[in-house]
C-alpha atoms as a PDB file:
ATOM      1  CA  UNK A   1      -0.091  -0.106  -0.017  1.00  0.00           C
ATOM      2  CA  UNK A   2       2.801   2.326   0.946  1.00  0.00           C
ATOM      3  CA  UNK A   3       4.476   1.768  -2.457  1.00  0.00           C
ATOM      4  CA  UNK A   4       1.174   2.528  -4.317  1.00  0.00           C
ATOM      5  CA  UNK A   5       0.674   5.608  -2.305  1.00  0.00           C
ATOM      6  CA  UNK A   6       4.232   6.718  -2.861  1.00  0.00           C
ATOM      7  CA  UNK A   7       3.684   6.232  -6.587  1.00  0.00           C
ATOM      8  CA  UNK A   8       0.452   8.218  -6.672  1.00  0.00           C
ATOM      9  CA  UNK A   9       2.369  10.992  -4.737  1.00  0.00           C
ATOM     10  CA  UNK A  10       5.105  10.872  -7.363  1.00  0.00           C
ATOM     11  CA  UNK A  11       2.484  11.211 -10.104  1.00  0.00           C
ATOM     12  CA  UNK A  12       0.649  14.349  -8.385  1.00  0.00           C
ATOM     13  CA  UNK A  13       4.005  15.976  -8.043  1.00  0.00           C
ATOM     14  CA  UNK A  14       4.669  15.303 -11.697  1.00  0.00           C
ATOM     15  CA  UNK A  15       1.265  16.828 -12.501  1.00  0.00           C
ATOM     16  CA  UNK A  16       1.842  19.862 -10.663  1.00  0.00           C
ATOM     17  CA  UNK A  17       5.232  20.294 -12.379  1.00  0.00           C
ATOM     18  CA  UNK A  18       3.629  20.156 -15.648  1.00  0.00           C
ATOM     19  CA  UNK A  19       0.751  22.384 -14.899  1.00  0.00           C
ATOM     20  CA  UNK A  20       3.161  24.962 -13.546  1.00  0.00           C
ATOM     21  CA  UNK A  21       5.137  24.713 -16.977  1.00  0.00           C
ATOM     22  CA  UNK A  22       2.001  25.004 -18.918  1.00  0.00           C
ATOM     23  CA  UNK A  23       0.874  27.924 -17.055  1.00  0.00           C
ATOM     24  CA  UNK A  24       4.360  29.679 -17.655  1.00  0.00           C
ATOM     25  CA  UNK A  25       3.901  28.946 -21.374  1.00  0.00           C
ATOM     26  CA  UNK A  26       0.319  30.361 -21.236  1.00  0.00           C
ATOM     27  CA  UNK A  27       1.534  33.349 -19.621  1.00  0.00           C
ATOM     28  CA  UNK A  28       4.388  33.999 -22.121  1.00  0.00           C
ATOM     29  CA  UNK A  29       1.911  33.236 -25.004  1.00  0.00           C
ATOM     30  CA  UNK A  30      -0.847  35.622 -23.969  1.00  0.00           C
ATOM     31  CA  UNK A  31       1.845  38.445 -23.117  1.00  0.00           C
ATOM     32  CA  UNK A  32       3.493  38.115 -26.428  1.00  0.00           C
ATOM     33  CA  UNK A  33       0.383  37.850 -28.372  1.00  0.00           C
ATOM     34  CA  UNK A  34      -0.935  40.902 -26.830  1.00  0.00           C
ATOM     35  CA  UNK A  35       2.182  42.771 -27.635  1.00  0.00           C
ATOM     36  CA  UNK A  36       2.155  41.695 -31.243  1.00  0.00           C
ATOM     37  CA  UNK A  37      -1.625  42.252 -31.733  1.00  0.00           C
ATOM     38  CA  UNK A  38      -1.463  45.608 -30.119  1.00  0.00           C
ATOM     39  CA  UNK A  39       1.112  46.856 -32.541  1.00  0.00           C
ATOM     40  CA  UNK A  40       3.790  47.365 -29.895  1.00  0.00           C
ATOM     41  CA  UNK A  41       6.073  44.845 -31.859  1.00  0.00           C
ATOM     42  CA  UNK A  42       6.046  45.946 -35.523  1.00  0.00           C
ATOM     43  CA  UNK A  43       6.289  43.314 -38.256  1.00  0.00           C
ATOM     44  CA  UNK A  44       9.768  41.850 -38.834  1.00  0.00           C
ATOM     45  CA  UNK A  45      10.835  42.758 -35.197  1.00  0.00           C
ATOM     46  CA  UNK A  46      13.124  39.967 -34.051  1.00  0.00           C
ATOM     47  CA  UNK A  47      12.058  38.328 -30.897  1.00  0.00           C
ATOM     48  CA  UNK A  48      14.973  37.528 -28.541  1.00  0.00           C
ATOM     49  CA  UNK A  49      13.997  34.650 -26.358  1.00  0.00           C
ATOM     50  CA  UNK A  50      16.749  35.310 -23.562  1.00  0.00           C
ATOM     51  CA  UNK A  51      15.095  39.004 -23.242  1.00  0.00           C
ATOM     52  CA  UNK A  52      11.507  37.828 -23.280  1.00  0.00           C
ATOM     53  CA  UNK A  53      12.183  35.014 -20.867  1.00  0.00           C
ATOM     54  CA  UNK A  54      13.776  37.545 -18.636  1.00  0.00           C
ATOM     55  CA  UNK A  55      10.854  39.975 -18.933  1.00  0.00           C
ATOM     56  CA  UNK A  56       8.231  37.322 -18.027  1.00  0.00           C
ATOM     57  CA  UNK A  57      10.426  35.418 -15.506  1.00  0.00           C
ATOM     58  CA  UNK A  58      10.175  32.244 -17.565  1.00  0.00           C
ATOM     59  CA  UNK A  59      12.394  29.737 -19.281  1.00  0.00           C
ATOM     60  CA  UNK A  60      13.673  29.873 -22.794  1.00  0.00           C
ATOM     61  CA  UNK A  61      11.946  26.744 -23.352  1.00  0.00           C
ATOM     62  CA  UNK A  62       8.542  28.338 -22.244  1.00  0.00           C
ATOM     63  CA  UNK A  63       9.086  31.098 -24.780  1.00  0.00           C
ATOM     64  CA  UNK A  64       9.942  28.827 -27.480  1.00  0.00           C
ATOM     65  CA  UNK A  65       6.634  26.852 -26.773  1.00  0.00           C
ATOM     66  CA  UNK A  66       4.741  30.117 -26.796  1.00  0.00           C
ATOM     67  CA  UNK A  67       6.419  31.090 -30.177  1.00  0.00           C
ATOM     68  CA  UNK A  68       5.471  27.859 -31.563  1.00  0.00           C
ATOM     69  CA  UNK A  69       1.892  28.605 -30.783  1.00  0.00           C
ATOM     70  CA  UNK A  70       2.127  32.016 -32.315  1.00  0.00           C
ATOM     71  CA  UNK A  71       3.637  30.569 -35.323  1.00  0.00           C
ATOM     72  CA  UNK A  72       0.811  28.155 -35.838  1.00  0.00           C
ATOM     73  CA  UNK A  73      -1.451  31.481 -35.523  1.00  0.00           C
ATOM     74  CA  UNK A  74       0.606  33.120 -38.216  1.00  0.00           C
ATOM     75  CA  UNK A  75       1.592  35.839 -35.827  1.00  0.00           C
ATOM     76  CA  UNK A  76       5.242  34.794 -35.660  1.00  0.00           C
ATOM     77  CA  UNK A  77       7.693  33.412 -38.358  1.00  0.00           C
ATOM     78  CA  UNK A  78      10.298  30.907 -37.115  1.00  0.00           C
ATOM     79  CA  UNK A  79      13.494  30.648 -39.536  1.00  0.00           C
ATOM     80  CA  UNK A  80      16.469  28.449 -38.619  1.00  0.00           C
ATOM     81  CA  UNK A  81      19.092  30.801 -39.538  1.00  0.00           C
ATOM     82  CA  UNK A  82      17.138  33.905 -38.846  1.00  0.00           C
ATOM     83  CA  UNK A  83      15.427  33.177 -35.613  1.00  0.00           C
ATOM     84  CA  UNK A  84      11.763  34.171 -34.620  1.00  0.00           C
ATOM     85  CA  UNK A  85      10.377  37.508 -35.613  1.00  0.00           C
ATOM     86  CA  UNK A  86       6.915  39.169 -35.989  1.00  0.00           C
ATOM     87  CA  UNK A  87       5.083  38.108 -38.874  1.00  0.00           C
ATOM     88  CA  UNK A  88       3.772  40.673 -41.627  1.00  0.00           C
ATOM     89  CA  UNK A  89      -0.092  41.022 -41.903  1.00  0.00           C
ATOM     90  CA  UNK A  90      -1.186  38.778 -44.761  1.00  0.00           C
ATOM     91  CA  UNK A  91      -3.628  40.856 -47.136  1.00  0.00           C
ATOM     92  CA  UNK A  92      -5.181  37.941 -48.518  1.00  0.00           C
ATOM     93  CA  UNK A  93      -6.044  36.368 -45.186  1.00  0.00           C
ATOM     94  CA  UNK A  94      -7.479  39.877 -43.969  1.00  0.00           C
ATOM     95  CA  UNK A  95      -9.771  40.096 -46.827  1.00  0.00           C
ATOM     96  CA  UNK A  96     -11.064  36.443 -46.184  1.00  0.00           C
ATOM     97  CA  UNK A  97     -11.520  37.250 -42.663  1.00  0.00           C
ATOM     98  CA  UNK A  98     -13.262  40.289 -43.439  1.00  0.00           C
ATOM     99  CA  UNK A  99     -15.586  38.552 -45.847  1.00  0.00           C
ATOM    100  CA  UNK A 100     -16.625  35.912 -43.371  1.00  0.00           C
ATOM    101  CA  UNK A 101     -17.156  38.589 -40.706  1.00  0.00           C
ATOM    102  CA  UNK A 102     -19.536  40.712 -42.972  1.00  0.00           C
ATOM    103  CA  UNK A 103     -21.575  37.917 -44.004  1.00  0.00           C
ATOM    104  CA  UNK A 104     -22.231  36.869 -40.344  1.00  0.00           C
ATOM    105  CA  UNK A 105     -22.400  40.267 -38.604  1.00  0.00           C
ATOM    106  CA  UNK A 106     -24.860  41.475 -41.335  1.00  0.00           C
ATOM    107  CA  UNK A 107     -27.058  38.525 -40.560  1.00  0.00           C
ATOM    108  CA  UNK A 108     -26.544  39.013 -36.842  1.00  0.00           C
ATOM    109  CA  UNK A 109     -27.530  42.550 -36.852  1.00  0.00           C
ATOM    110  CA  UNK A 110     -30.732  41.925 -38.980  1.00  0.00           C
ATOM    111  CA  UNK A 111     -31.852  39.316 -36.381  1.00  0.00           C
ATOM    112  CA  UNK A 112     -31.052  42.018 -33.549  1.00  0.00           C
ATOM    113  CA  UNK A 113     -33.380  44.264 -35.266  1.00  0.00           C
ATOM    114  CA  UNK A 114     -36.133  41.613 -35.270  1.00  0.00           C
ATOM    115  CA  UNK A 115     -35.599  39.662 -31.904  1.00  0.00           C
ATOM    116  CA  UNK A 116     -33.168  41.450 -29.664  1.00  0.00           C
ATOM    117  CA  UNK A 117     -34.839  41.881 -26.254  1.00  0.00           C
ATOM    118  CA  UNK A 118     -35.164  45.492 -24.935  1.00  0.00           C
ATOM    119  CA  UNK A 119     -32.804  44.719 -21.892  1.00  0.00           C
ATOM    120  CA  UNK A 120     -29.988  43.809 -24.701  1.00  0.00           C
ATOM    121  CA  UNK A 121     -30.794  46.870 -26.558  1.00  0.00           C
ATOM    122  CA  UNK A 122     -30.126  48.878 -23.291  1.00  0.00           C
ATOM    123  CA  UNK A 123     -26.812  47.394 -22.734  1.00  0.00           C
ATOM    124  CA  UNK A 124     -25.638  48.400 -26.401  1.00  0.00           C
ATOM    125  CA  UNK A 125     -26.825  51.929 -25.433  1.00  0.00           C
ATOM    126  CA  UNK A 126     -24.905  51.844 -22.381  1.00  0.00           C
ATOM    127  CA  UNK A 127     -21.937  50.595 -24.406  1.00  0.00           C
ATOM    128  CA  UNK A 128     -22.314  53.448 -26.685  1.00  0.00           C
ATOM    129  CA  UNK A 129     -22.426  56.009 -23.915  1.00  0.00           C
ATOM    130  CA  UNK A 130     -19.102  54.604 -22.495  1.00  0.00           C
ATOM    131  CA  UNK A 131     -17.672  54.926 -26.096  1.00  0.00           C
ATOM    132  CA  UNK A 132     -18.640  58.571 -26.177  1.00  0.00           C
ATOM    133  CA  UNK A 133     -16.868  59.042 -22.920  1.00  0.00           C
ATOM    134  CA  UNK A 134     -13.728  57.245 -24.173  1.00  0.00           C
ATOM    135  CA  UNK A 135     -13.718  59.355 -27.373  1.00  0.00           C
ATOM    136  CA  UNK A 136     -13.919  62.510 -25.357  1.00  0.00           C
ATOM    137  CA  UNK A 137     -11.042  61.531 -23.329  1.00  0.00           C
ATOM    138  CA  UNK A 138      -8.893  60.248 -26.235  1.00  0.00           C
ATOM    139  CA  UNK A 139      -8.663  56.771 -24.631  1.00  0.00           C
ATOM    140  CA  UNK A 140      -7.818  54.617 -27.385  1.00  0.00           C
ATOM    141  CA  UNK A 141      -7.386  51.428 -25.710  1.00  0.00           C
ATOM    142  CA  UNK A 142     -10.857  51.844 -23.793  1.00  0.00           C
ATOM    143  CA  UNK A 143     -12.706  52.699 -27.001  1.00  0.00           C
ATOM    144  CA  UNK A 144     -11.138  49.704 -28.636  1.00  0.00           C
ATOM    145  CA  UNK A 145     -12.356  47.262 -25.944  1.00  0.00           C
ATOM    146  CA  UNK A 146     -15.681  48.872 -26.032  1.00  0.00           C
ATOM    147  CA  UNK A 147     -15.886  48.553 -29.905  1.00  0.00           C
ATOM    148  CA  UNK A 148     -15.028  44.974 -29.486  1.00  0.00           C
ATOM    149  CA  UNK A 149     -17.666  44.383 -26.808  1.00  0.00           C
ATOM    150  CA  UNK A 150     -20.428  46.168 -28.884  1.00  0.00           C
ATOM    151  CA  UNK A 151     -20.126  43.757 -31.566  1.00  0.00           C
ATOM    152  CA  UNK A 152     -19.881  40.785 -29.242  1.00  0.00           C
ATOM    153  CA  UNK A 153     -22.878  42.079 -27.349  1.00  0.00           C
ATOM    154  CA  UNK A 154     -25.020  41.685 -30.516  1.00  0.00           C
ATOM    155  CA  UNK A 155     -24.579  37.821 -30.785  1.00  0.00           C
ATOM    156  CA  UNK A 156     -24.596  37.427 -26.992  1.00  0.00           C
ATOM    157  CA  UNK A 157     -27.964  39.426 -26.980  1.00  0.00           C
ATOM    158  CA  UNK A 158     -29.600  36.800 -29.039  1.00  0.00           C
ATOM    159  CA  UNK A 159     -27.839  33.866 -27.357  1.00  0.00           C
ATOM    160  CA  UNK A 160     -26.163  32.886 -30.528  1.00  0.00           C
ATOM    161  CA  UNK A 161     -23.261  31.011 -28.805  1.00  0.00           C
ATOM    162  CA  UNK A 162     -22.540  28.727 -31.970  1.00  0.00           C
ATOM    163  CA  UNK A 163     -22.273  31.997 -34.120  1.00  0.00           C
ATOM    164  CA  UNK A 164     -19.957  33.514 -31.511  1.00  0.00           C
ATOM    165  CA  UNK A 165     -17.688  30.479 -31.591  1.00  0.00           C
ATOM    166  CA  UNK A 166     -17.163  31.179 -35.345  1.00  0.00           C
ATOM    167  CA  UNK A 167     -16.899  34.951 -35.006  1.00  0.00           C
ATOM    168  CA  UNK A 168     -14.500  35.241 -32.176  1.00  0.00           C
ATOM    169  CA  UNK A 169     -11.607  33.665 -33.838  1.00  0.00           C
ATOM    170  CA  UNK A 170     -12.257  35.807 -36.808  1.00  0.00           C
ATOM    171  CA  UNK A 171     -12.217  38.941 -34.788  1.00  0.00           C
ATOM    172  CA  UNK A 172      -8.975  37.864 -33.179  1.00  0.00           C
ATOM    173  CA  UNK A 173      -7.172  37.405 -36.495  1.00  0.00           C
ATOM    174  CA  UNK A 174      -8.341  40.775 -37.324  1.00  0.00           C
ATOM    175  CA  UNK A 175      -7.221  42.458 -34.039  1.00  0.00           C
ATOM    176  CA  UNK A 176      -3.972  43.664 -35.513  1.00  0.00           C
ATOM    177  CA  UNK A 177      -5.703  45.501 -38.362  1.00  0.00           C
ATOM    178  CA  UNK A 178      -8.351  47.065 -36.114  1.00  0.00           C
ATOM    179  CA  UNK A 179      -5.682  48.265 -33.494  1.00  0.00           C
ATOM    180  CA  UNK A 180      -3.355  49.512 -36.385  1.00  0.00           C
ATOM    181  CA  UNK A 181      -6.123  51.707 -37.964  1.00  0.00           C
ATOM    182  CA  UNK A 182      -8.217  52.924 -34.758  1.00  0.00           C
ATOM    183  CA  UNK A 183      -5.373  55.355 -33.901  1.00  0.00           C
ATOM    184  CA  UNK A 184      -5.750  56.879 -37.349  1.00  0.00           C
ATOM    185  CA  UNK A 185      -6.900  60.513 -37.078  1.00  0.00           C
ATOM    186  CA  UNK A 186     -10.777  60.571 -37.108  1.00  0.00           C
ATOM    187  CA  UNK A 187     -11.087  56.928 -37.207  1.00  0.00           C
ATOM    188  CA  UNK A 188     -12.685  56.660 -33.678  1.00  0.00           C
ATOM    189  CA  UNK A 189     -15.142  59.386 -34.234  1.00  0.00           C
ATOM    190  CA  UNK A 190     -16.147  57.573 -37.661  1.00  0.00           C
ATOM    191  CA  UNK A 191     -16.569  54.357 -35.822  1.00  0.00           C
ATOM    192  CA  UNK A 192     -18.661  55.828 -33.072  1.00  0.00           C
ATOM    193  CA  UNK A 193     -21.113  57.548 -35.634  1.00  0.00           C
ATOM    194  CA  UNK A 194     -21.358  54.164 -37.523  1.00  0.00           C
ATOM    195  CA  UNK A 195     -22.160  52.320 -34.289  1.00  0.00           C
ATOM    196  CA  UNK A 196     -24.882  54.856 -33.571  1.00  0.00           C
ATOM    197  CA  UNK A 197     -26.285  54.134 -36.837  1.00  0.00           C
ATOM    198  CA  UNK A 198     -26.345  50.380 -36.174  1.00  0.00           C
ATOM    199  CA  UNK A 199     -28.006  50.780 -32.848  1.00  0.00           C
ATOM    200  CA  UNK A 200     -30.606  53.353 -34.111  1.00  0.00           C
ATOM    201  CA  UNK A 201     -31.561  50.744 -36.914  1.00  0.00           C
ATOM    202  CA  UNK A 202     -31.749  47.892 -34.141  1.00  0.00           C
ATOM    203  CA  UNK A 203     -33.991  50.277 -31.775  1.00  0.00           C
ATOM    204  CA  UNK A 204     -36.272  50.999 -34.606  1.00  0.00           C
ATOM    205  CA  UNK A 205     -36.606  47.144 -35.601  1.00  0.00           C
ATOM    206  CA  UNK A 206     -35.609  47.784 -39.147  1.00  0.00           C
ATOM    207  CA  UNK A 207     -33.559  44.857 -40.183  1.00  0.00           C
ATOM    208  CA  UNK A 208     -32.831  45.925 -43.642  1.00  0.00           C
ATOM    209  CA  UNK A 209     -31.461  49.422 -42.350  1.00  0.00           C
ATOM    210  CA  UNK A 210     -29.398  47.538 -39.782  1.00  0.00           C
ATOM    211  CA  UNK A 211     -27.789  45.174 -42.237  1.00  0.00           C
ATOM    212  CA  UNK A 212     -26.950  48.291 -44.559  1.00  0.00           C
ATOM    213  CA  UNK A 213     -25.377  50.104 -41.616  1.00  0.00           C
ATOM    214  CA  UNK A 214     -23.374  47.121 -40.625  1.00  0.00           C
ATOM    215  CA  UNK A 215     -22.397  46.677 -44.345  1.00  0.00           C
ATOM    216  CA  UNK A 216     -21.061  50.396 -44.570  1.00  0.00           C
ATOM    217  CA  UNK A 217     -19.415  50.238 -41.263  1.00  0.00           C
ATOM    218  CA  UNK A 218     -17.176  47.038 -42.297  1.00  0.00           C
ATOM    219  CA  UNK A 219     -16.650  48.307 -45.687  1.00  0.00           C
ATOM    220  CA  UNK A 220     -15.236  51.363 -44.305  1.00  0.00           C
ATOM    221  CA  UNK A 221     -12.967  49.530 -42.242  1.00  0.00           C
ATOM    222  CA  UNK A 222     -11.606  47.576 -45.496  1.00  0.00           C
ATOM    223  CA  UNK A 223     -11.181  51.000 -47.365  1.00  0.00           C
ATOM    224  CA  UNK A 224      -9.216  52.369 -44.510  1.00  0.00           C
ATOM    225  CA  UNK A 225      -7.077  49.329 -44.633  1.00  0.00           C
ATOM    226  CA  UNK A 226      -6.329  49.772 -48.380  1.00  0.00           C
ATOM    227  CA  UNK A 227      -5.254  53.330 -47.614  1.00  0.00           C
ATOM    228  CA  UNK A 228      -2.944  52.351 -44.652  1.00  0.00           C
ATOM    229  CA  UNK A 229      -1.531  49.745 -46.804  1.00  0.00           C
ATOM    230  CA  UNK A 230      -0.545  52.123 -49.499  1.00  0.00           C
ATOM    231  CA  UNK A 231       0.975  54.370 -46.677  1.00  0.00           C
ATOM    232  CA  UNK A 232       2.812  51.506 -44.974  1.00  0.00           C
ATOM    233  CA  UNK A 233       3.812  48.700 -47.227  1.00  0.00           C
ATOM    234  CA  UNK A 234       6.393  47.119 -45.096  1.00  0.00           C
ATOM    235  CA  UNK A 235       3.586  46.021 -42.601  1.00  0.00           C
ATOM    236  CA  UNK A 236       1.960  43.832 -45.040  1.00  0.00           C
ATOM    237  CA  UNK A 237       2.355  40.985 -47.633  1.00  0.00           C
ATOM    238  CA  UNK A 238       0.170  39.563 -50.295  1.00  0.00           C
END
C-alpha cells in the first residue's frame, strides 16, 4: 500500500510540475500575443528569447513553446538561420476574414433588429455612452475594448453561442488590423457614428437598415485598410 501511495504522490508532483510549466507557457503566449496584436511589436521585429524570458520570468523553453503557438496562428515566423520574428499581416487572409465577418455580422444585426430583447438593446446603448466618454477623453485602448464588446454583445444578446464560436476567432485574427487603424486621425469618431447608426436601426426594428449600416461600417474598415497599406507597405504581404 505504501509503495502505491508513494507512486501516486509522485504522479501528483509530476502533474503539478507539468501544470506549472503549462501556466508559464500560457503566460508567455498571452503576453507576447497581446504585444504583437496591439502593434507594440512591429512586423519583422526580431524576438529575443532570452530577453523575453527574463521579462516574463520564464525559461527559454517556455518562450519557445509560446512562439510555436504564435507561429501556428501566423503571428510569428520562425526561421532556422534568422530566428523568430513578428510576421507581416497577410492581406489575402485579412480580406477573407473580413468577408466572413461581414456575412455573419450582417445576418446577426438583422436578427437583432427583429428579436433582440429590450434589455440587450439597453446594454448596447450603455456601451455606446461609454464609447462617447472614451472618445472625449482620447482613450484609444478603452474605446477599442468597447468597440470589440459592442459587436460581441449583438450575438450574445440573441444567445447565438455557436455563431460567437465562429466569429470570435475571426475577430482575433483581425485585431492587429483594427488596432493599427484605430489611432488613425478621425477613425474613432467615424466608428462611433457608424455604431450609432447600427444601434438606431436595431432600436427602430428595421432589419434592412441594420444590415446596410453594418455593411457600410465594415466596408469602411476595409477601405481604411487599403489606404493604410499604401502608406505602410512594409507592414503587409500578399
